């Protein structure tokens, strides 16, 4: 789950990749302001994933571990 609390409405793109680089989940939205995004990774194997979030032209990556 990802909680976002933005100061203004922004276009948001969220992608989750496994370590070999295959996209396993993604979601784009025209606008978010204060929102909770649920990411269903129930079909993904246990392991390490990378979550890429792009907001207003800024991209950051966070490591996720599914146990």
C-alpha atoms as a PDB file:
ATOM      1  CA  UNK A   1       0.000   0.000   0.000  1.00  0.00           C
ATOM      2  CA  UNK A   2       1.256   3.487  -0.860  1.00  0.00           C
ATOM      3  CA  UNK A   3      -0.111   6.615   0.815  1.00  0.00           C
ATOM      4  CA  UNK A   4       0.284   9.874  -1.080  1.00  0.00           C
ATOM      5  CA  UNK A   5      -0.369  13.335   0.315  1.00  0.00           C
ATOM      6  CA  UNK A   6       0.473  15.839  -2.419  1.00  0.00           C
ATOM      7  CA  UNK A   7       0.175  19.616  -2.150  1.00  0.00           C
ATOM      8  CA  UNK A   8      -1.632  19.840  -5.480  1.00  0.00           C
ATOM      9  CA  UNK A   9      -3.119  17.461  -8.009  1.00  0.00           C
ATOM     10  CA  UNK A  10      -0.402  15.780 -10.057  1.00  0.00           C
ATOM     11  CA  UNK A  11      -0.169  13.054 -12.661  1.00  0.00           C
ATOM     12  CA  UNK A  12       1.245   9.947 -10.993  1.00  0.00           C
ATOM     13  CA  UNK A  13       2.739   6.811 -12.548  1.00  0.00           C
ATOM     14  CA  UNK A  14       3.624   3.814 -10.381  1.00  0.00           C
ATOM     15  CA  UNK A  15       5.378   0.681 -11.670  1.00  0.00           C
ATOM     16  CA  UNK A  16       6.754  -2.368  -9.880  1.00  0.00           C
ATOM     17  CA  UNK A  17       9.506  -4.472 -11.448  1.00  0.00           C
ATOM     18  CA  UNK A  18      11.160  -7.733 -10.484  1.00  0.00           C
ATOM     19  CA  UNK A  19      14.967  -7.755 -10.396  1.00  0.00           C
ATOM     20  CA  UNK A  20      15.366  -9.009 -14.002  1.00  0.00           C
ATOM     21  CA  UNK A  21      13.393  -5.881 -15.036  1.00  0.00           C
ATOM     22  CA  UNK A  22       9.985  -7.358 -15.885  1.00  0.00           C
ATOM     23  CA  UNK A  23       7.071  -5.117 -14.944  1.00  0.00           C
ATOM     24  CA  UNK A  24       4.750  -7.009 -12.596  1.00  0.00           C
ATOM     25  CA  UNK A  25       2.324  -4.185 -11.717  1.00  0.00           C
ATOM     26  CA  UNK A  26       1.573  -0.663 -12.885  1.00  0.00           C
ATOM     27  CA  UNK A  27      -0.945   2.111 -12.444  1.00  0.00           C
ATOM     28  CA  UNK A  28      -1.221   5.577 -13.916  1.00  0.00           C
ATOM     29  CA  UNK A  29      -3.651   8.284 -12.982  1.00  0.00           C
ATOM     30  CA  UNK A  30      -4.417  11.699 -14.339  1.00  0.00           C
ATOM     31  CA  UNK A  31      -4.439  13.183 -10.875  1.00  0.00           C
ATOM     32  CA  UNK A  32      -3.922  12.272  -7.270  1.00  0.00           C
ATOM     33  CA  UNK A  33      -4.071  14.545  -4.287  1.00  0.00           C
ATOM     34  CA  UNK A  34      -4.471  12.608  -1.079  1.00  0.00           C
ATOM     35  CA  UNK A  35      -4.857   8.997  -1.957  1.00  0.00           C
ATOM     36  CA  UNK A  36      -4.080   5.457  -0.878  1.00  0.00           C
ATOM     37  CA  UNK A  37      -2.999   3.159  -3.694  1.00  0.00           C
ATOM     38  CA  UNK A  38      -3.329  -0.567  -3.118  1.00  0.00           C
ATOM     39  CA  UNK A  39      -0.909  -2.732  -5.050  1.00  0.00           C
ATOM     40  CA  UNK A  40      -2.041  -6.331  -5.506  1.00  0.00           C
ATOM     41  CA  UNK A  41       1.111  -8.440  -5.641  1.00  0.00           C
ATOM     42  CA  UNK A  42      -0.612 -11.638  -4.549  1.00  0.00           C
ATOM     43  CA  UNK A  43       0.307 -13.386  -7.799  1.00  0.00           C
ATOM     44  CA  UNK A  44       3.975 -12.325  -7.569  1.00  0.00           C
ATOM     45  CA  UNK A  45       6.598 -14.649  -6.126  1.00  0.00           C
ATOM     46  CA  UNK A  46       8.386 -13.895  -2.879  1.00  0.00           C
ATOM     47  CA  UNK A  47      11.472 -11.796  -3.420  1.00  0.00           C
ATOM     48  CA  UNK A  48      12.826  -8.314  -3.991  1.00  0.00           C
ATOM     49  CA  UNK A  49      11.070  -5.825  -6.259  1.00  0.00           C
ATOM     50  CA  UNK A  50      11.667  -2.226  -7.288  1.00  0.00           C
ATOM     51  CA  UNK A  51       8.842   0.316  -7.164  1.00  0.00           C
ATOM     52  CA  UNK A  52       9.271   3.275  -9.498  1.00  0.00           C
ATOM     53  CA  UNK A  53       7.107   6.331  -8.780  1.00  0.00           C
ATOM     54  CA  UNK A  54       6.978   9.323 -11.104  1.00  0.00           C
ATOM     55  CA  UNK A  55       5.262  12.509  -9.920  1.00  0.00           C
ATOM     56  CA  UNK A  56       5.480  15.871 -11.707  1.00  0.00           C
ATOM     57  CA  UNK A  57       8.520  14.790 -13.714  1.00  0.00           C
ATOM     58  CA  UNK A  58      10.417  13.544 -10.664  1.00  0.00           C
ATOM     59  CA  UNK A  59      11.171   9.824 -10.458  1.00  0.00           C
ATOM     60  CA  UNK A  60      12.212   7.861  -7.390  1.00  0.00           C
ATOM     61  CA  UNK A  61      12.765   4.164  -6.842  1.00  0.00           C
ATOM     62  CA  UNK A  62      12.109   2.186  -3.651  1.00  0.00           C
ATOM     63  CA  UNK A  63      13.043  -1.406  -2.876  1.00  0.00           C
ATOM     64  CA  UNK A  64      10.154  -3.694  -1.850  1.00  0.00           C
ATOM     65  CA  UNK A  65      10.508  -7.104  -0.242  1.00  0.00           C
ATOM     66  CA  UNK A  66       7.663  -9.616  -0.523  1.00  0.00           C
ATOM     67  CA  UNK A  67       7.935 -12.329   2.103  1.00  0.00           C
END
